[in-house]
Amino acid sequence: MKVSKMFNATLREVPAEAEIVSHQLMLRAGLMRNLAAGVYSYLPLGYRSIRKVEQIVREEMDKAGAQELIMSALLPAEFYQQSGRWDVFGPEMFRLKDRHDRDFCLGPT
């Protein structure tokens, strides 16, 4: 798809919360939008850039004989309880219980 046909919402002014130059440039270029502190939506051009970087990394990993995997972001509490990090992370860590009353969290690392 031609860039001229893509949805691309560029900004003239830099948002006040953007302090780092790279952050300012990505927002102004229309690569992403800030929804809340630390929460972003990637716009079409930004998502396309991410896919290109992923493809380059994938090709280099293939050349090196490495394998790709996807790990779950939702983890059982036991992993963090055994290491003592369940209590250390405090209320910032997103925790939930499943329908069987087992504890889980979104892996922060």
PDB file of N, CA and C in Angstrom:
ATOM      1  N   MET A   1       0.842  -1.174   0.000  1.00  0.00           N
ATOM      2  CA  MET A   1       0.000   0.000   0.000  1.00  0.00           C
ATOM      3  C   MET A   1       0.890   1.242   0.000  1.00  0.00           C
ATOM      4  N   LYS A   2       0.510   2.207  -0.786  1.00  0.00           N
ATOM      5  CA  LYS A   2       1.251   3.460  -0.843  1.00  0.00           C
ATOM      6  C   LYS A   2       1.043   4.246   0.449  1.00  0.00           C
ATOM      7  N   VAL A   3       2.088   4.930   0.874  1.00  0.00           N
ATOM      8  CA  VAL A   3       2.003   5.735   2.090  1.00  0.00           C
ATOM      9  C   VAL A   3       0.946   6.822   1.929  1.00  0.00           C
ATOM     10  N   SER A   4       0.768   7.329   0.714  1.00  0.00           N
ATOM     11  CA  SER A   4      -0.224   8.385   0.484  1.00  0.00           C
ATOM     12  C   SER A   4      -1.647   7.894   0.713  1.00  0.00           C
ATOM     13  N   LYS A   5      -1.869   6.585   0.652  1.00  0.00           N
ATOM     14  CA  LYS A   5      -3.199   6.006   0.864  1.00  0.00           C
ATOM     15  C   LYS A   5      -3.437   5.582   2.313  1.00  0.00           C
ATOM     16  N   MET A   6      -2.376   5.593   3.125  1.00  0.00           N
ATOM     17  CA  MET A   6      -2.486   5.121   4.509  1.00  0.00           C
ATOM     18  C   MET A   6      -3.089   6.184   5.416  1.00  0.00           C
ATOM     19  N   PHE A   7      -3.727   5.710   6.476  1.00  0.00           N
ATOM     20  CA  PHE A   7      -4.167   6.612   7.543  1.00  0.00           C
ATOM     21  C   PHE A   7      -2.921   7.046   8.295  1.00  0.00           C
ATOM     22  N   ASN A   8      -2.644   8.319   8.285  1.00  0.00           N
ATOM     23  CA  ASN A   8      -1.443   8.812   8.939  1.00  0.00           C
ATOM     24  C   ASN A   8      -1.755  10.150   9.595  1.00  0.00           C
ATOM     25  N   ALA A   9      -1.984  10.129  10.885  1.00  0.00           N
ATOM     26  CA  ALA A   9      -2.343  11.336  11.628  1.00  0.00           C
ATOM     27  C   ALA A   9      -1.097  11.957  12.240  1.00  0.00           C
ATOM     28  N   THR A  10      -0.468  12.859  11.516  1.00  0.00           N
ATOM     29  CA  THR A  10       0.721  13.532  12.037  1.00  0.00           C
ATOM     30  C   THR A  10       0.305  14.698  12.932  1.00  0.00           C
ATOM     31  N   LEU A  11       1.221  15.125  13.768  1.00  0.00           N
ATOM     32  CA  LEU A  11       0.961  16.241  14.685  1.00  0.00           C
ATOM     33  C   LEU A  11       1.898  17.402  14.366  1.00  0.00           C
ATOM     34  N   ARG A  12       1.390  18.602  14.474  1.00  0.00           N
ATOM     35  CA  ARG A  12       2.243  19.785  14.306  1.00  0.00           C
ATOM     36  C   ARG A  12       2.920  20.144  15.623  1.00  0.00           C
ATOM     37  N   GLU A  13       2.176  20.011  16.697  1.00  0.00           N
ATOM     38  CA  GLU A  13       2.690  20.370  18.020  1.00  0.00           C
ATOM     39  C   GLU A  13       3.052  19.107  18.797  1.00  0.00           C
ATOM     40  N   VAL A  14       4.100  19.205  19.582  1.00  0.00           N
ATOM     41  CA  VAL A  14       4.529  18.087  20.419  1.00  0.00           C
ATOM     42  C   VAL A  14       3.706  18.112  21.701  1.00  0.00           C
ATOM     43  N   PRO A  15       3.096  16.976  22.093  1.00  0.00           N
ATOM     44  CA  PRO A  15       2.367  16.939  23.364  1.00  0.00           C
ATOM     45  C   PRO A  15       3.294  17.273  24.538  1.00  0.00           C
ATOM     46  N   ALA A  16       2.759  17.955  25.520  1.00  0.00           N
ATOM     47  CA  ALA A  16       3.560  18.417  26.662  1.00  0.00           C
ATOM     48  C   ALA A  16       4.202  17.270  27.434  1.00  0.00           C
ATOM     49  N   GLU A  17       3.536  16.112  27.502  1.00  0.00           N
ATOM     50  CA  GLU A  17       4.080  14.997  28.291  1.00  0.00           C
ATOM     51  C   GLU A  17       5.255  14.305  27.608  1.00  0.00           C
ATOM     52  N   ALA A  18       5.486  14.574  26.326  1.00  0.00           N
ATOM     53  CA  ALA A  18       6.593  13.949  25.595  1.00  0.00           C
ATOM     54  C   ALA A  18       7.867  14.743  25.850  1.00  0.00           C
ATOM     55  N   GLU A  19       8.771  14.182  26.658  1.00  0.00           N
ATOM     56  CA  GLU A  19       9.999  14.880  27.023  1.00  0.00           C
ATOM     57  C   GLU A  19      11.197  14.405  26.218  1.00  0.00           C
ATOM     58  N   ILE A  20      11.244  13.122  25.889  1.00  0.00           N
ATOM     59  CA  ILE A  20      12.375  12.549  25.169  1.00  0.00           C
ATOM     60  C   ILE A  20      12.203  12.830  23.677  1.00  0.00           C
ATOM     61  N   VAL A  21      13.291  13.192  23.014  1.00  0.00           N
ATOM     62  CA  VAL A  21      13.233  13.588  21.607  1.00  0.00           C
ATOM     63  C   VAL A  21      12.667  12.473  20.732  1.00  0.00           C
ATOM     64  N   SER A  22      13.101  11.227  20.949  1.00  0.00           N
ATOM     65  CA  SER A  22      12.599  10.121  20.125  1.00  0.00           C
ATOM     66  C   SER A  22      11.091   9.938  20.314  1.00  0.00           C
ATOM     67  N   HIS A  23      10.608  10.126  21.528  1.00  0.00           N
ATOM     68  CA  HIS A  23       9.175  10.033  21.819  1.00  0.00           C
ATOM     69  C   HIS A  23       8.425  11.130  21.075  1.00  0.00           C
ATOM     70  N   GLN A  24       8.945  12.336  21.116  1.00  0.00           N
ATOM     71  CA  GLN A  24       8.326  13.455  20.409  1.00  0.00           C
ATOM     72  C   GLN A  24       8.247  13.188  18.912  1.00  0.00           C
ATOM     73  N   LEU A  25       9.338  12.684  18.350  1.00  0.00           N
ATOM     74  CA  LEU A  25       9.374  12.424  16.908  1.00  0.00           C
ATOM     75  C   LEU A  25       8.391  11.333  16.499  1.00  0.00           C
ATOM     76  N   MET A  26       8.299  10.266  17.299  1.00  0.00           N
ATOM     77  CA  MET A  26       7.365   9.178  16.960  1.00  0.00           C
ATOM     78  C   MET A  26       5.917   9.642  17.038  1.00  0.00           C
ATOM     79  N   LEU A  27       5.596  10.475  18.020  1.00  0.00           N
ATOM     80  CA  LEU A  27       4.235  11.006  18.125  1.00  0.00           C
ATOM     81  C   LEU A  27       3.933  11.949  16.967  1.00  0.00           C
ATOM     82  N   ARG A  28       4.864  12.850  16.664  1.00  0.00           N
ATOM     83  CA  ARG A  28       4.647  13.813  15.582  1.00  0.00           C
ATOM     84  C   ARG A  28       4.562  13.133  14.225  1.00  0.00           C
ATOM     85  N   ALA A  29       5.317  12.045  14.025  1.00  0.00           N
ATOM     86  CA  ALA A  29       5.315  11.345  12.741  1.00  0.00           C
ATOM     87  C   ALA A  29       4.071  10.486  12.549  1.00  0.00           C
ATOM     88  N   GLY A  30       3.278  10.332  13.588  1.00  0.00           N
ATOM     89  CA  GLY A  30       2.074   9.524  13.471  1.00  0.00           C
ATOM     90  C   GLY A  30       2.343   8.032  13.548  1.00  0.00           C
ATOM     91  N   LEU A  31       3.428   7.644  14.236  1.00  0.00           N
ATOM     92  CA  LEU A  31       3.728   6.224  14.401  1.00  0.00           C
ATOM     93  C   LEU A  31       2.888   5.602  15.507  1.00  0.00           C
ATOM     94  N   MET A  32       2.546   6.399  16.518  1.00  0.00           N
ATOM     95  CA  MET A  32       1.795   5.873  17.657  1.00  0.00           C
ATOM     96  C   MET A  32       1.003   6.992  18.310  1.00  0.00           C
ATOM     97  N   ARG A  33       0.076   6.596  19.164  1.00  0.00           N
ATOM     98  CA  ARG A  33      -0.727   7.532  19.951  1.00  0.00           C
ATOM     99  C   ARG A  33      -0.644   7.119  21.408  1.00  0.00           C
ATOM    100  N   ASN A  34      -0.529   8.093  22.281  1.00  0.00           N
ATOM    101  CA  ASN A  34      -0.464   7.846  23.713  1.00  0.00           C
ATOM    102  C   ASN A  34      -1.889   7.808  24.269  1.00  0.00           C
ATOM    103  N   LEU A  35      -2.288   6.669  24.866  1.00  0.00           N
ATOM    104  CA  LEU A  35      -3.620   6.535  25.450  1.00  0.00           C
ATOM    105  C   LEU A  35      -3.635   6.913  26.921  1.00  0.00           C
ATOM    106  N   ALA A  36      -2.585   6.523  27.627  1.00  0.00           N
ATOM    107  CA  ALA A  36      -2.413   6.816  29.052  1.00  0.00           C
ATOM    108  C   ALA A  36      -0.922   6.692  29.330  1.00  0.00           C
ATOM    109  N   ALA A  37      -0.508   6.995  30.532  1.00  0.00           N
ATOM    110  CA  ALA A  37       0.910   6.913  30.874  1.00  0.00           C
ATOM    111  C   ALA A  37       1.436   5.503  30.608  1.00  0.00           C
ATOM    112  N   GLY A  38       2.363   5.383  29.665  1.00  0.00           N
ATOM    113  CA  GLY A  38       2.965   4.097  29.337  1.00  0.00           C
ATOM    114  C   GLY A  38       2.118   3.185  28.473  1.00  0.00           C
ATOM    115  N   VAL A  39       0.965   3.654  28.001  1.00  0.00           N
ATOM    116  CA  VAL A  39       0.067   2.834  27.177  1.00  0.00           C
ATOM    117  C   VAL A  39      -0.064   3.499  25.810  1.00  0.00           C
ATOM    118  N   TYR A  40       0.317   2.767  24.759  1.00  0.00           N
ATOM    119  CA  TYR A  40       0.312   3.325  23.414  1.00  0.00           C
ATOM    120  C   TYR A  40      -0.459   2.434  22.450  1.00  0.00           C
ATOM    121  N   SER A  41      -1.021   3.071  21.444  1.00  0.00           N
ATOM    122  CA  SER A  41      -1.589   2.360  20.303  1.00  0.00           C
ATOM    123  C   SER A  41      -0.681   2.657  19.124  1.00  0.00           C
ATOM    124  N   TYR A  42      -0.312   1.621  18.391  1.00  0.00           N
ATOM    125  CA  TYR A  42       0.518   1.825  17.212  1.00  0.00           C
ATOM    126  C   TYR A  42      -0.382   2.042  16.014  1.00  0.00           C
ATOM    127  N   LEU A  43      -0.142   3.128  15.316  1.00  0.00           N
ATOM    128  CA  LEU A  43      -0.895   3.463  14.118  1.00  0.00           C
ATOM    129  C   LEU A  43      -0.303   2.681  12.944  1.00  0.00           C
ATOM    130  N   PRO A  44      -0.962   2.672  11.787  1.00  0.00           N
ATOM    131  CA  PRO A  44      -0.513   1.817  10.680  1.00  0.00           C
ATOM    132  C   PRO A  44       0.966   1.941  10.317  1.00  0.00           C
ATOM    133  N   LEU A  45       1.490   3.143  10.235  1.00  0.00           N
ATOM    134  CA  LEU A  45       2.895   3.303   9.871  1.00  0.00           C
ATOM    135  C   LEU A  45       3.820   2.781  10.971  1.00  0.00           C
ATOM    136  N   GLY A  46       3.458   2.997  12.225  1.00  0.00           N
ATOM    137  CA  GLY A  46       4.243   2.474  13.337  1.00  0.00           C
ATOM    138  C   GLY A  46       4.217   0.960  13.389  1.00  0.00           C
ATOM    139  N   TYR A  47       3.037   0.385  13.144  1.00  0.00           N
ATOM    140  CA  TYR A  47       2.916  -1.074  13.144  1.00  0.00           C
ATOM    141  C   TYR A  47       3.715  -1.680  11.993  1.00  0.00           C
ATOM    142  N   ARG A  48       3.680  -1.009  10.855  1.00  0.00           N
ATOM    143  CA  ARG A  48       4.447  -1.480   9.701  1.00  0.00           C
ATOM    144  C   ARG A  48       5.944  -1.458  10.017  1.00  0.00           C
ATOM    145  N   SER A  49       6.400  -0.426  10.712  1.00  0.00           N
ATOM    146  CA  SER A  49       7.809  -0.329  11.105  1.00  0.00           C
ATOM    147  C   SER A  49       8.192  -1.462  12.051  1.00  0.00           C
ATOM    148  N   ILE A  50       7.315  -1.757  13.007  1.00  0.00           N
ATOM    149  CA  ILE A  50       7.569  -2.855  13.946  1.00  0.00           C
ATOM    150  C   ILE A  50       7.690  -4.178  13.199  1.00  0.00           C
ATOM    151  N   ARG A  51       6.797  -4.412  12.249  1.00  0.00           N
ATOM    152  CA  ARG A  51       6.851  -5.665  11.474  1.00  0.00           C
ATOM    153  C   ARG A  51       8.141  -5.771  10.675  1.00  0.00           C
ATOM    154  N   LYS A  52       8.630  -4.659  10.127  1.00  0.00           N
ATOM    155  CA  LYS A  52       9.891  -4.688   9.375  1.00  0.00           C
ATOM    156  C   LYS A  52      11.059  -5.051  10.288  1.00  0.00           C
ATOM    157  N   VAL A  53      11.095  -4.459  11.482  1.00  0.00           N
ATOM    158  CA  VAL A  53      12.162  -4.772  12.436  1.00  0.00           C
ATOM    159  C   VAL A  53      12.077  -6.241  12.839  1.00  0.00           C
ATOM    160  N   GLU A  54      10.860  -6.739  13.096  1.00  0.00           N
ATOM    161  CA  GLU A  54      10.681  -8.153  13.444  1.00  0.00           C
ATOM    162  C   GLU A  54      11.211  -9.054  12.336  1.00  0.00           C
ATOM    163  N   GLN A  55      10.948  -8.697  11.089  1.00  0.00           N
ATOM    164  CA  GLN A  55      11.394  -9.517   9.963  1.00  0.00           C
ATOM    165  C   GLN A  55      12.916  -9.539   9.869  1.00  0.00           C
ATOM    166  N   ILE A  56      13.552  -8.399  10.089  1.00  0.00           N
ATOM    167  CA  ILE A  56      15.019  -8.345  10.065  1.00  0.00           C
ATOM    168  C   ILE A  56      15.595  -9.217  11.174  1.00  0.00           C
ATOM    169  N   VAL A  57      15.044  -9.110  12.380  1.00  0.00           N
ATOM    170  CA  VAL A  57      15.518  -9.924  13.508  1.00  0.00           C
ATOM    171  C   VAL A  57      15.285 -11.403  13.219  1.00  0.00           C
ATOM    172  N   ARG A  58      14.125 -11.736  12.666  1.00  0.00           N
ATOM    173  CA  ARG A  58      13.801 -13.127  12.338  1.00  0.00           C
ATOM    174  C   ARG A  58      14.805 -13.698  11.328  1.00  0.00           C
ATOM    175  N   GLU A  59      15.144 -12.923  10.303  1.00  0.00           N
ATOM    176  CA  GLU A  59      16.114 -13.383   9.302  1.00  0.00           C
ATOM    177  C   GLU A  59      17.481 -13.619   9.930  1.00  0.00           C
ATOM    178  N   GLU A  60      17.905 -12.711  10.801  1.00  0.00           N
ATOM    179  CA  GLU A  60      19.205 -12.862  11.457  1.00  0.00           C
ATOM    180  C   GLU A  60      19.206 -14.054  12.416  1.00  0.00           C
ATOM    181  N   MET A  61      18.095 -14.282  13.097  1.00  0.00           N
ATOM    182  CA  MET A  61      18.005 -15.449  13.984  1.00  0.00           C
ATOM    183  C   MET A  61      18.064 -16.740  13.178  1.00  0.00           C
ATOM    184  N   ASP A  62      17.404 -16.759  12.030  1.00  0.00           N
ATOM    185  CA  ASP A  62      17.452 -17.941  11.160  1.00  0.00           C
ATOM    186  C   ASP A  62      18.877 -18.218  10.702  1.00  0.00           C
ATOM    187  N   LYS A  63      19.607 -17.164  10.332  1.00  0.00           N
ATOM    188  CA  LYS A  63      21.000 -17.330   9.905  1.00  0.00           C
ATOM    189  C   LYS A  63      21.855 -17.913  11.021  1.00  0.00           C
ATOM    190  N   ALA A  64      21.547 -17.524  12.262  1.00  0.00           N
ATOM    191  CA  ALA A  64      22.325 -17.990  13.415  1.00  0.00           C
ATOM    192  C   ALA A  64      21.864 -19.355  13.912  1.00  0.00           C
ATOM    193  N   GLY A  65      20.786 -19.887  13.319  1.00  0.00           N
ATOM    194  CA  GLY A  65      20.275 -21.188  13.743  1.00  0.00           C
ATOM    195  C   GLY A  65      19.408 -21.127  14.986  1.00  0.00           C
ATOM    196  N   ALA A  66      18.956 -19.940  15.346  1.00  0.00           N
ATOM    197  CA  ALA A  66      18.109 -19.778  16.529  1.00  0.00           C
ATOM    198  C   ALA A  66      16.658 -20.090  16.191  1.00  0.00           C
ATOM    199  N   GLN A  67      15.869 -20.329  17.210  1.00  0.00           N
ATOM    200  CA  GLN A  67      14.453 -20.626  17.031  1.00  0.00           C
ATOM    201  C   GLN A  67      13.618 -19.581  17.746  1.00  0.00           C
ATOM    202  N   GLU A  68      12.472 -19.295  17.160  1.00  0.00           N
ATOM    203  CA  GLU A  68      11.558 -18.302  17.714  1.00  0.00           C
ATOM    204  C   GLU A  68      10.522 -19.001  18.580  1.00  0.00           C
ATOM    205  N   LEU A  69      10.099 -18.330  19.645  1.00  0.00           N
ATOM    206  CA  LEU A  69       9.032 -18.869  20.474  1.00  0.00           C
ATOM    207  C   LEU A  69       8.199 -17.732  21.033  1.00  0.00           C
ATOM    208  N   ILE A  70       7.011 -18.058  21.451  1.00  0.00           N
ATOM    209  CA  ILE A  70       6.127 -17.089  22.096  1.00  0.00           C
ATOM    210  C   ILE A  70       5.798 -17.637  23.475  1.00  0.00           C
ATOM    211  N   MET A  71       6.009 -16.808  24.484  1.00  0.00           N
ATOM    212  CA  MET A  71       5.738 -17.227  25.852  1.00  0.00           C
ATOM    213  C   MET A  71       4.490 -16.522  26.363  1.00  0.00           C
ATOM    214  N   SER A  72       3.808 -17.159  27.261  1.00  0.00           N
ATOM    215  CA  SER A  72       2.584 -16.606  27.824  1.00  0.00           C
ATOM    216  C   SER A  72       2.886 -15.384  28.686  1.00  0.00           C
ATOM    217  N   ALA A  73       2.035 -14.383  28.590  1.00  0.00           N
ATOM    218  CA  ALA A  73       2.169 -13.205  29.448  1.00  0.00           C
ATOM    219  C   ALA A  73       1.453 -13.424  30.778  1.00  0.00           C
ATOM    220  N   LEU A  74       0.515 -14.357  30.805  1.00  0.00           N
ATOM    221  CA  LEU A  74      -0.234 -14.685  32.018  1.00  0.00           C
ATOM    222  C   LEU A  74       0.473 -15.850  32.704  1.00  0.00           C
ATOM    223  N   LEU A  75       0.934 -15.622  33.929  1.00  0.00           N
ATOM    224  CA  LEU A  75       1.762 -16.613  34.617  1.00  0.00           C
ATOM    225  C   LEU A  75       1.152 -17.024  35.947  1.00  0.00           C
ATOM    226  N   PRO A  76       1.338 -18.295  36.338  1.00  0.00           N
ATOM    227  CA  PRO A  76       0.847 -18.747  37.642  1.00  0.00           C
ATOM    228  C   PRO A  76       1.608 -18.054  38.769  1.00  0.00           C
ATOM    229  N   ALA A  77       0.925 -17.795  39.857  1.00  0.00           N
ATOM    230  CA  ALA A  77       1.519 -17.091  41.000  1.00  0.00           C
ATOM    231  C   ALA A  77       2.684 -17.861  41.606  1.00  0.00           C
ATOM    232  N   GLU A  78       2.701 -19.177  41.477  1.00  0.00           N
ATOM    233  CA  GLU A  78       3.748 -19.989  42.110  1.00  0.00           C
ATOM    234  C   GLU A  78       5.144 -19.532  41.708  1.00  0.00           C
ATOM    235  N   PHE A  79       5.330 -19.147  40.444  1.00  0.00           N
ATOM    236  CA  PHE A  79       6.653 -18.710  39.988  1.00  0.00           C
ATOM    237  C   PHE A  79       7.140 -17.514  40.793  1.00  0.00           C
ATOM    238  N   TYR A  80       6.250 -16.604  41.079  1.00  0.00           N
ATOM    239  CA  TYR A  80       6.622 -15.386  41.795  1.00  0.00           C
ATOM    240  C   TYR A  80       6.616 -15.594  43.305  1.00  0.00           C
ATOM    241  N   GLN A  81       5.780 -16.485  43.815  1.00  0.00           N
ATOM    242  CA  GLN A  81       5.757 -16.767  45.249  1.00  0.00           C
ATOM    243  C   GLN A  81       7.032 -17.492  45.674  1.00  0.00           C
ATOM    244  N   GLN A  82       7.513 -18.436  44.858  1.00  0.00           N
ATOM    245  CA  GLN A  82       8.729 -19.179  45.190  1.00  0.00           C
ATOM    246  C   GLN A  82       9.948 -18.264  45.262  1.00  0.00           C
ATOM    247  N   SER A  83       9.983 -17.270  44.398  1.00  0.00           N
ATOM    248  CA  SER A  83      11.135 -16.364  44.378  1.00  0.00           C
ATOM    249  C   SER A  83      10.972 -15.191  45.344  1.00  0.00           C
ATOM    250  N   GLY A  84       9.785 -15.057  45.950  1.00  0.00           N
ATOM    251  CA  GLY A  84       9.529 -13.960  46.873  1.00  0.00           C
ATOM    252  C   GLY A  84       9.102 -12.669  46.191  1.00  0.00           C
ATOM    253  N   ARG A  85       8.988 -12.698  44.875  1.00  0.00           N
ATOM    254  CA  ARG A  85       8.640 -11.474  44.143  1.00  0.00           C
ATOM    255  C   ARG A  85       7.147 -11.177  44.150  1.00  0.00           C
ATOM    256  N   TRP A  86       6.315 -12.139  44.547  1.00  0.00           N
ATOM    257  CA  TRP A  86       4.859 -11.925  44.579  1.00  0.00           C
ATOM    258  C   TRP A  86       4.513 -10.759  45.506  1.00  0.00           C
ATOM    259  N   ASP A  87       5.171 -10.705  46.658  1.00  0.00           N
ATOM    260  CA  ASP A  87       4.911  -9.636  47.624  1.00  0.00           C
ATOM    261  C   ASP A  87       5.748  -8.388  47.337  1.00  0.00           C
ATOM    262  N   VAL A  88       6.933  -8.583  46.764  1.00  0.00           N
ATOM    263  CA  VAL A  88       7.830  -7.457  46.499  1.00  0.00           C
ATOM    264  C   VAL A  88       7.245  -6.503  45.462  1.00  0.00           C
ATOM    265  N   PHE A  89       6.594  -7.032  44.434  1.00  0.00           N
ATOM    266  CA  PHE A  89       6.060  -6.184  43.368  1.00  0.00           C
ATOM    267  C   PHE A  89       4.929  -5.287  43.852  1.00  0.00           C
ATOM    268  N   GLY A  90       4.216  -5.706  44.856  1.00  0.00           N
ATOM    269  CA  GLY A  90       3.155  -4.878  45.428  1.00  0.00           C
ATOM    270  C   GLY A  90       1.958  -4.697  44.509  1.00  0.00           C
ATOM    271  N   PRO A  91       1.199  -3.622  44.724  1.00  0.00           N
ATOM    272  CA  PRO A  91      -0.055  -3.427  43.992  1.00  0.00           C
ATOM    273  C   PRO A  91       0.136  -3.061  42.521  1.00  0.00           C
ATOM    274  N   GLU A  92       1.361  -2.742  42.100  1.00  0.00           N
ATOM    275  CA  GLU A  92       1.590  -2.385  40.703  1.00  0.00           C
ATOM    276  C   GLU A  92       1.440  -3.585  39.769  1.00  0.00           C
ATOM    277  N   MET A  93       1.659  -4.796  40.301  1.00  0.00           N
ATOM    278  CA  MET A  93       1.554  -5.990  39.466  1.00  0.00           C
ATOM    279  C   MET A  93       0.085  -6.358  39.282  1.00  0.00           C
ATOM    280  N   PHE A  94      -0.314  -6.584  38.034  1.00  0.00           N
ATOM    281  CA  PHE A  94      -1.694  -6.948  37.723  1.00  0.00           C
ATOM    282  C   PHE A  94      -1.909  -8.408  38.108  1.00  0.00           C
ATOM    283  N   ARG A  95      -2.825  -8.655  39.034  1.00  0.00           N
ATOM    284  CA  ARG A  95      -3.110 -10.004  39.538  1.00  0.00           C
ATOM    285  C   ARG A  95      -4.566 -10.345  39.275  1.00  0.00           C
ATOM    286  N   LEU A  96      -4.834 -11.630  39.122  1.00  0.00           N
ATOM    287  CA  LEU A  96      -6.209 -12.082  38.942  1.00  0.00           C
ATOM    288  C   LEU A  96      -6.340 -13.526  39.397  1.00  0.00           C
ATOM    289  N   LYS A  97      -7.580 -13.945  39.590  1.00  0.00           N
ATOM    290  CA  LYS A  97      -7.888 -15.330  39.944  1.00  0.00           C
ATOM    291  C   LYS A  97      -8.712 -15.926  38.814  1.00  0.00           C
ATOM    292  N   ASP A  98      -8.448 -17.200  38.511  1.00  0.00           N
ATOM    293  CA  ASP A  98      -9.258 -17.855  37.488  1.00  0.00           C
ATOM    294  C   ASP A  98     -10.524 -18.422  38.126  1.00  0.00           C
ATOM    295  N   ARG A  99     -11.331 -19.099  37.340  1.00  0.00           N
ATOM    296  CA  ARG A  99     -12.606 -19.606  37.859  1.00  0.00           C
ATOM    297  C   ARG A  99     -12.430 -20.712  38.891  1.00  0.00           C
ATOM    298  N   HIS A 100     -11.208 -21.257  38.995  1.00  0.00           N
ATOM    299  CA  HIS A 100     -10.921 -22.280  40.006  1.00  0.00           C
ATOM    300  C   HIS A 100     -10.223 -21.667  41.222  1.00  0.00           C
ATOM    301  N   ASP A 101     -10.243 -20.334  41.311  1.00  0.00           N
ATOM    302  CA  ASP A 101      -9.677 -19.572  42.422  1.00  0.00           C
ATOM    303  C   ASP A 101      -8.150 -19.690  42.517  1.00  0.00           C
ATOM    304  N   ARG A 102      -7.486 -19.934  41.391  1.00  0.00           N
ATOM    305  CA  ARG A 102      -6.021 -19.971  41.356  1.00  0.00           C
ATOM    306  C   ARG A 102      -5.501 -18.585  41.010  1.00  0.00           C
ATOM    307  N   ASP A 103      -4.398 -18.198  41.641  1.00  0.00           N
ATOM    308  CA  ASP A 103      -3.804 -16.877  41.419  1.00  0.00           C
ATOM    309  C   ASP A 103      -2.915 -16.872  40.182  1.00  0.00           C
ATOM    310  N   PHE A 104      -3.032 -15.781  39.412  1.00  0.00           N
ATOM    311  CA  PHE A 104      -2.201 -15.544  38.237  1.00  0.00           C
ATOM    312  C   PHE A 104      -1.803 -14.077  38.221  1.00  0.00           C
ATOM    313  N   CYS A 105      -0.822 -13.753  37.393  1.00  0.00           N
ATOM    314  CA  CYS A 105      -0.445 -12.348  37.200  1.00  0.00           C
ATOM    315  C   CYS A 105       0.024 -12.156  35.767  1.00  0.00           C
ATOM    316  N   LEU A 106       0.013 -10.908  35.332  1.00  0.00           N
ATOM    317  CA  LEU A 106       0.638 -10.571  34.056  1.00  0.00           C
ATOM    318  C   LEU A 106       2.120 -10.423  34.337  1.00  0.00           C
ATOM    319  N   GLY A 107       2.927 -11.206  33.660  1.00  0.00           N
ATOM    320  CA  GLY A 107       4.359 -11.200  33.912  1.00  0.00           C
ATOM    321  C   GLY A 107       4.983  -9.834  33.676  1.00  0.00           C
ATOM    322  N   PRO A 108       5.552  -9.220  34.708  1.00  0.00           N
ATOM    323  CA  PRO A 108       6.137  -7.887  34.559  1.00  0.00           C
ATOM    324  C   PRO A 108       7.519  -7.902  33.914  1.00  0.00           C
ATOM    325  N   THR A 109       8.110  -9.075  33.744  1.00  0.00           N
ATOM    326  CA  THR A 109       9.454  -9.138  33.159  1.00  0.00           C
ATOM    327  C   THR A 109       9.459 -10.012  31.933  1.00  0.00           C
TER     328      THR A 109
END
